[in-house]
């Protein structure tokens, strides 16, 4: 695992490390939504439409494996699973806020990508 991380970030840059943890189309949104409260899978999926169930499951598993998201299972009459941010995950809130502010101010300046 360490060699893979070194290959993806040969200089050990903290910015590259952070972006590696939260990169992807959906991870920042999952983190953002979970900042306020824990949610069940269905609630998350509804808030993130049009994400597929498969992709959301993959994103949650990746965030769980990096200790950003916590999965809690409550054994009730009906199995209840909620997802929440860990303290480590909550520490990303100011990072996402800074990215949001930068994007809101500057995204229109970025060159358009050709398809």
N, C-alpha and C. Protein backbone atom coordinates (compact mmCIF):
# COMPACT_ATOMS: atom_id res chain seq x y z
N UNK A 1 0.84 -1.19 0.00
CA UNK A 1 0.00 0.00 0.00
C UNK A 1 0.88 1.25 0.00
N UNK A 2 1.95 1.25 0.80
CA UNK A 2 2.83 2.41 0.89
C UNK A 2 3.47 2.72 -0.46
N UNK A 3 3.90 1.66 -1.20
CA UNK A 3 4.52 1.88 -2.50
C UNK A 3 3.54 2.50 -3.49
N UNK A 4 2.25 2.09 -3.42
CA UNK A 4 1.23 2.66 -4.30
C UNK A 4 1.04 4.14 -4.01
N UNK A 5 0.99 4.50 -2.72
CA UNK A 5 0.84 5.90 -2.34
C UNK A 5 2.04 6.71 -2.83
N UNK A 6 3.25 6.15 -2.67
CA UNK A 6 4.45 6.85 -3.13
C UNK A 6 4.43 7.03 -4.65
N UNK A 7 3.93 6.03 -5.38
CA UNK A 7 3.88 6.14 -6.84
C UNK A 7 2.90 7.22 -7.27
N UNK A 8 1.79 7.37 -6.54
CA UNK A 8 0.79 8.37 -6.89
C UNK A 8 1.20 9.76 -6.42
N UNK A 9 2.07 9.85 -5.43
CA UNK A 9 2.50 11.11 -4.87
C UNK A 9 3.99 11.02 -4.53
N UNK A 10 4.84 10.97 -5.58
CA UNK A 10 6.26 10.70 -5.35
C UNK A 10 6.97 11.74 -4.49
N UNK A 11 6.49 12.96 -4.44
CA UNK A 11 7.14 13.99 -3.64
C UNK A 11 6.53 14.12 -2.25
N UNK A 12 5.49 13.34 -1.97
CA UNK A 12 4.84 13.40 -0.66
C UNK A 12 4.16 14.73 -0.40
N UNK A 13 3.65 15.35 -1.45
CA UNK A 13 3.01 16.66 -1.32
C UNK A 13 1.69 16.55 -0.55
N UNK A 14 1.52 17.35 0.51
CA UNK A 14 0.28 17.30 1.28
C UNK A 14 -0.97 17.66 0.47
N UNK A 15 -0.84 18.54 -0.50
CA UNK A 15 -1.99 18.91 -1.33
C UNK A 15 -2.42 17.72 -2.18
N UNK A 16 -1.45 17.04 -2.77
CA UNK A 16 -1.75 15.86 -3.59
C UNK A 16 -2.38 14.78 -2.72
N UNK A 17 -1.88 14.61 -1.50
CA UNK A 17 -2.44 13.62 -0.58
C UNK A 17 -3.89 13.95 -0.26
N UNK A 18 -4.17 15.21 0.04
CA UNK A 18 -5.54 15.62 0.37
C UNK A 18 -6.47 15.43 -0.82
N UNK A 19 -6.03 15.88 -1.99
CA UNK A 19 -6.87 15.73 -3.17
C UNK A 19 -7.10 14.26 -3.50
N UNK A 20 -6.12 13.41 -3.23
CA UNK A 20 -6.29 11.98 -3.44
C UNK A 20 -7.39 11.39 -2.57
N UNK A 21 -7.52 11.91 -1.36
CA UNK A 21 -8.55 11.43 -0.44
C UNK A 21 -9.96 11.84 -0.86
N UNK A 22 -10.09 13.04 -1.40
CA UNK A 22 -11.42 13.58 -1.68
C UNK A 22 -11.72 13.72 -3.16
N UNK A 23 -10.81 13.23 -4.01
CA UNK A 23 -11.03 13.43 -5.45
C UNK A 23 -12.14 12.53 -5.97
N UNK A 24 -12.70 12.96 -7.04
CA UNK A 24 -13.78 12.23 -7.68
C UNK A 24 -14.99 13.13 -7.82
N UNK A 25 -15.90 12.69 -8.63
CA UNK A 25 -17.08 13.49 -8.93
C UNK A 25 -18.01 13.60 -7.73
N UNK A 26 -18.06 12.55 -6.87
CA UNK A 26 -19.08 12.50 -5.84
C UNK A 26 -18.57 12.64 -4.41
N UNK A 27 -17.32 12.32 -4.15
CA UNK A 27 -16.82 12.35 -2.77
C UNK A 27 -16.99 13.70 -2.09
N UNK A 28 -16.63 14.81 -2.73
CA UNK A 28 -16.82 16.10 -2.05
C UNK A 28 -18.28 16.34 -1.68
N UNK A 29 -19.21 15.90 -2.55
CA UNK A 29 -20.62 16.11 -2.26
C UNK A 29 -21.07 15.24 -1.08
N UNK A 30 -20.60 14.01 -1.02
CA UNK A 30 -20.93 13.13 0.10
C UNK A 30 -20.45 13.77 1.40
N UNK A 31 -19.22 14.22 1.41
CA UNK A 31 -18.67 14.85 2.62
C UNK A 31 -19.48 16.08 2.98
N UNK A 32 -19.77 16.91 1.99
CA UNK A 32 -20.53 18.15 2.24
C UNK A 32 -21.90 17.84 2.85
N UNK A 33 -22.59 16.87 2.30
CA UNK A 33 -23.93 16.54 2.78
C UNK A 33 -23.89 15.99 4.20
N UNK A 34 -22.85 15.20 4.51
CA UNK A 34 -22.77 14.58 5.83
C UNK A 34 -22.21 15.51 6.91
N UNK A 35 -21.78 16.70 6.54
CA UNK A 35 -21.25 17.64 7.54
C UNK A 35 -22.32 17.98 8.57
N UNK A 36 -23.56 18.16 8.14
CA UNK A 36 -24.62 18.60 9.04
C UNK A 36 -25.21 17.49 9.91
N UNK A 37 -25.33 16.28 9.34
CA UNK A 37 -26.00 15.22 10.09
C UNK A 37 -25.75 13.86 9.47
N UNK A 38 -25.84 12.81 10.28
CA UNK A 38 -25.77 11.46 9.73
C UNK A 38 -27.02 11.18 8.89
N UNK A 39 -26.85 10.38 7.86
CA UNK A 39 -27.98 10.05 6.99
C UNK A 39 -27.96 8.59 6.62
N UNK A 40 -29.13 8.08 6.30
CA UNK A 40 -29.24 6.72 5.78
C UNK A 40 -28.89 6.74 4.29
N UNK A 41 -28.58 5.56 3.77
CA UNK A 41 -28.18 5.43 2.38
C UNK A 41 -29.21 6.04 1.44
N UNK A 42 -30.48 5.70 1.63
CA UNK A 42 -31.54 6.19 0.75
C UNK A 42 -31.66 7.70 0.77
N UNK A 43 -31.47 8.29 1.95
CA UNK A 43 -31.53 9.75 2.07
C UNK A 43 -30.38 10.39 1.28
N UNK A 44 -29.20 9.81 1.43
CA UNK A 44 -28.04 10.31 0.68
C UNK A 44 -28.29 10.20 -0.82
N UNK A 45 -28.76 9.03 -1.25
CA UNK A 45 -28.99 8.82 -2.67
C UNK A 45 -30.00 9.81 -3.22
N UNK A 46 -31.07 10.06 -2.49
CA UNK A 46 -32.07 11.03 -2.95
C UNK A 46 -31.49 12.43 -3.06
N UNK A 47 -30.63 12.80 -2.13
CA UNK A 47 -30.04 14.14 -2.15
C UNK A 47 -29.00 14.29 -3.25
N UNK A 48 -28.48 13.15 -3.74
CA UNK A 48 -27.40 13.18 -4.72
C UNK A 48 -27.85 12.70 -6.10
N UNK A 49 -29.14 12.67 -6.34
CA UNK A 49 -29.63 12.25 -7.63
C UNK A 49 -28.91 13.06 -8.71
N UNK A 50 -28.39 12.47 -9.72
CA UNK A 50 -28.64 11.19 -10.37
C UNK A 50 -27.60 10.09 -10.08
N UNK A 51 -26.91 10.12 -8.97
CA UNK A 51 -25.91 9.09 -8.68
C UNK A 51 -26.57 7.72 -8.62
N UNK A 52 -25.87 6.71 -9.13
CA UNK A 52 -26.41 5.35 -9.07
C UNK A 52 -26.11 4.73 -7.71
N UNK A 53 -26.87 3.72 -7.37
CA UNK A 53 -26.67 3.02 -6.10
C UNK A 53 -25.26 2.43 -6.04
N UNK A 54 -24.82 1.85 -7.17
CA UNK A 54 -23.50 1.22 -7.24
C UNK A 54 -22.39 2.25 -6.97
N UNK A 55 -22.46 3.39 -7.63
CA UNK A 55 -21.43 4.41 -7.47
C UNK A 55 -21.43 4.98 -6.06
N UNK A 56 -22.62 5.25 -5.50
CA UNK A 56 -22.68 5.76 -4.14
C UNK A 56 -22.09 4.76 -3.16
N UNK A 57 -22.41 3.49 -3.33
CA UNK A 57 -21.84 2.45 -2.47
C UNK A 57 -20.32 2.45 -2.56
N UNK A 58 -19.78 2.54 -3.79
CA UNK A 58 -18.33 2.57 -3.97
C UNK A 58 -17.70 3.77 -3.29
N UNK A 59 -18.31 4.94 -3.46
CA UNK A 59 -17.77 6.16 -2.87
C UNK A 59 -17.80 6.09 -1.34
N UNK A 60 -18.89 5.59 -0.78
CA UNK A 60 -18.99 5.46 0.67
C UNK A 60 -17.96 4.47 1.20
N UNK A 61 -17.75 3.38 0.49
CA UNK A 61 -16.74 2.39 0.92
C UNK A 61 -15.34 2.98 0.89
N UNK A 62 -15.04 3.75 -0.16
CA UNK A 62 -13.72 4.39 -0.24
C UNK A 62 -13.54 5.40 0.89
N UNK A 63 -14.56 6.19 1.14
CA UNK A 63 -14.48 7.18 2.23
C UNK A 63 -14.41 6.50 3.59
N UNK A 64 -15.05 5.37 3.71
CA UNK A 64 -14.99 4.60 4.96
C UNK A 64 -13.59 4.00 5.14
N UNK A 65 -12.99 3.52 4.05
CA UNK A 65 -11.66 2.91 4.14
C UNK A 65 -10.58 3.93 4.49
N UNK A 66 -10.83 5.20 4.20
CA UNK A 66 -9.87 6.26 4.54
C UNK A 66 -10.24 6.96 5.85
N UNK A 67 -11.22 6.40 6.56
CA UNK A 67 -11.64 6.88 7.89
C UNK A 67 -12.28 8.26 7.87
N UNK A 68 -12.81 8.66 6.71
CA UNK A 68 -13.51 9.94 6.59
C UNK A 68 -14.98 9.77 6.95
N UNK A 69 -15.55 8.64 6.56
CA UNK A 69 -16.95 8.34 6.83
C UNK A 69 -17.03 7.12 7.75
N UNK A 70 -18.00 7.15 8.61
CA UNK A 70 -18.26 6.04 9.53
C UNK A 70 -19.62 5.44 9.20
N UNK A 71 -19.68 4.14 9.14
CA UNK A 71 -20.93 3.41 8.88
C UNK A 71 -21.39 2.79 10.19
N UNK A 72 -22.57 3.17 10.63
CA UNK A 72 -23.13 2.65 11.88
C UNK A 72 -24.34 1.79 11.58
N UNK A 73 -24.34 0.58 12.11
CA UNK A 73 -25.44 -0.35 11.91
C UNK A 73 -26.19 -0.49 13.23
N UNK A 74 -27.48 -0.23 13.19
CA UNK A 74 -28.33 -0.36 14.36
C UNK A 74 -29.25 -1.55 14.13
N UNK A 75 -29.17 -2.52 15.02
CA UNK A 75 -29.98 -3.73 14.89
C UNK A 75 -31.33 -3.49 15.56
N UNK A 76 -32.27 -3.07 14.76
CA UNK A 76 -33.63 -2.82 15.23
C UNK A 76 -34.54 -3.82 14.53
N UNK A 77 -35.83 -3.63 14.58
CA UNK A 77 -36.74 -4.53 13.86
C UNK A 77 -36.37 -4.58 12.38
N UNK A 78 -36.08 -3.42 11.85
CA UNK A 78 -35.58 -3.32 10.48
C UNK A 78 -34.15 -2.79 10.58
N UNK A 79 -33.24 -3.43 9.88
CA UNK A 79 -31.84 -3.02 9.93
C UNK A 79 -31.71 -1.56 9.54
N UNK A 80 -31.05 -0.78 10.35
CA UNK A 80 -30.89 0.65 10.11
C UNK A 80 -29.40 0.96 10.02
N UNK A 81 -28.97 1.47 8.88
CA UNK A 81 -27.57 1.82 8.66
C UNK A 81 -27.50 3.31 8.39
N UNK A 82 -26.65 4.00 9.13
CA UNK A 82 -26.44 5.43 8.87
C UNK A 82 -24.97 5.69 8.57
N UNK A 83 -24.76 6.75 7.84
CA UNK A 83 -23.41 7.19 7.49
C UNK A 83 -23.20 8.57 8.10
N UNK A 84 -22.03 8.77 8.67
CA UNK A 84 -21.69 10.06 9.27
C UNK A 84 -20.21 10.33 9.05
N UNK A 85 -19.84 11.58 9.23
CA UNK A 85 -18.42 11.92 9.15
C UNK A 85 -17.76 11.62 10.48
N UNK A 86 -16.54 11.14 10.41
CA UNK A 86 -15.73 11.00 11.61
C UNK A 86 -15.19 12.39 11.96
N UNK A 87 -14.52 12.51 13.08
CA UNK A 87 -13.87 13.79 13.40
C UNK A 87 -12.85 14.14 12.31
N UNK A 88 -12.16 13.15 11.84
CA UNK A 88 -11.20 13.32 10.74
C UNK A 88 -11.92 13.85 9.49
N UNK A 89 -13.09 13.29 9.19
CA UNK A 89 -13.89 13.74 8.06
C UNK A 89 -14.37 15.16 8.24
N UNK A 90 -14.80 15.48 9.46
CA UNK A 90 -15.25 16.86 9.75
C UNK A 90 -14.12 17.87 9.58
N UNK A 91 -12.88 17.43 9.77
CA UNK A 91 -11.75 18.36 9.61
C UNK A 91 -11.59 18.80 8.16
N UNK A 92 -12.28 18.14 7.23
CA UNK A 92 -12.24 18.55 5.81
C UNK A 92 -13.21 19.68 5.50
N UNK A 93 -14.09 20.04 6.44
CA UNK A 93 -15.09 21.08 6.18
C UNK A 93 -14.46 22.39 5.71
N UNK A 94 -13.43 22.92 6.38
CA UNK A 94 -12.85 24.18 5.89
C UNK A 94 -12.16 24.03 4.54
N UNK A 95 -11.66 22.83 4.25
CA UNK A 95 -11.03 22.59 2.94
C UNK A 95 -12.08 22.69 1.85
N UNK A 96 -13.22 22.03 2.07
CA UNK A 96 -14.30 22.09 1.07
C UNK A 96 -14.86 23.50 0.94
N UNK A 97 -14.95 24.21 2.06
CA UNK A 97 -15.43 25.60 2.02
C UNK A 97 -14.49 26.46 1.18
N UNK A 98 -13.19 26.29 1.36
CA UNK A 98 -12.21 27.05 0.58
C UNK A 98 -12.31 26.71 -0.90
N UNK A 99 -12.47 25.43 -1.22
CA UNK A 99 -12.63 25.02 -2.62
C UNK A 99 -13.90 25.60 -3.22
N UNK A 100 -14.98 25.59 -2.43
CA UNK A 100 -16.25 26.16 -2.89
C UNK A 100 -16.08 27.65 -3.21
N UNK A 101 -15.48 28.38 -2.28
CA UNK A 101 -15.31 29.82 -2.48
C UNK A 101 -14.44 30.12 -3.69
N UNK A 102 -13.37 29.35 -3.85
CA UNK A 102 -12.51 29.56 -5.01
C UNK A 102 -13.28 29.27 -6.29
N UNK A 103 -13.99 28.16 -6.32
CA UNK A 103 -14.76 27.81 -7.51
C UNK A 103 -15.84 28.81 -7.83
N UNK A 104 -16.52 29.31 -6.80
CA UNK A 104 -17.58 30.29 -6.99
C UNK A 104 -17.01 31.58 -7.60
N UNK A 105 -15.81 31.92 -7.19
CA UNK A 105 -15.18 33.16 -7.67
C UNK A 105 -14.50 32.97 -9.02
N UNK A 106 -13.89 31.82 -9.25
CA UNK A 106 -12.99 31.67 -10.39
C UNK A 106 -13.36 30.62 -11.44
N UNK A 107 -14.30 29.76 -11.16
CA UNK A 107 -14.58 28.65 -12.09
C UNK A 107 -14.94 29.15 -13.49
N UNK A 108 -15.60 30.29 -13.57
CA UNK A 108 -15.99 30.82 -14.89
C UNK A 108 -14.78 31.21 -15.75
N UNK A 109 -13.61 31.36 -15.12
CA UNK A 109 -12.40 31.74 -15.85
C UNK A 109 -11.69 30.54 -16.48
N UNK A 110 -12.04 29.35 -16.02
CA UNK A 110 -11.38 28.13 -16.52
C UNK A 110 -11.75 27.91 -17.98
N UNK A 111 -10.78 27.48 -18.76
CA UNK A 111 -11.08 27.20 -20.18
C UNK A 111 -12.05 26.03 -20.28
N UNK A 112 -12.91 26.12 -21.26
CA UNK A 112 -13.89 25.05 -21.49
C UNK A 112 -13.18 23.83 -22.03
N UNK A 113 -13.58 22.65 -21.52
CA UNK A 113 -13.03 21.39 -22.01
C UNK A 113 -13.74 20.99 -23.27
N UNK A 114 -12.99 20.49 -24.23
CA UNK A 114 -13.63 19.98 -25.44
C UNK A 114 -13.94 18.51 -25.23
N UNK A 115 -15.04 18.06 -25.82
CA UNK A 115 -15.46 16.66 -25.63
C UNK A 115 -14.74 15.74 -26.55
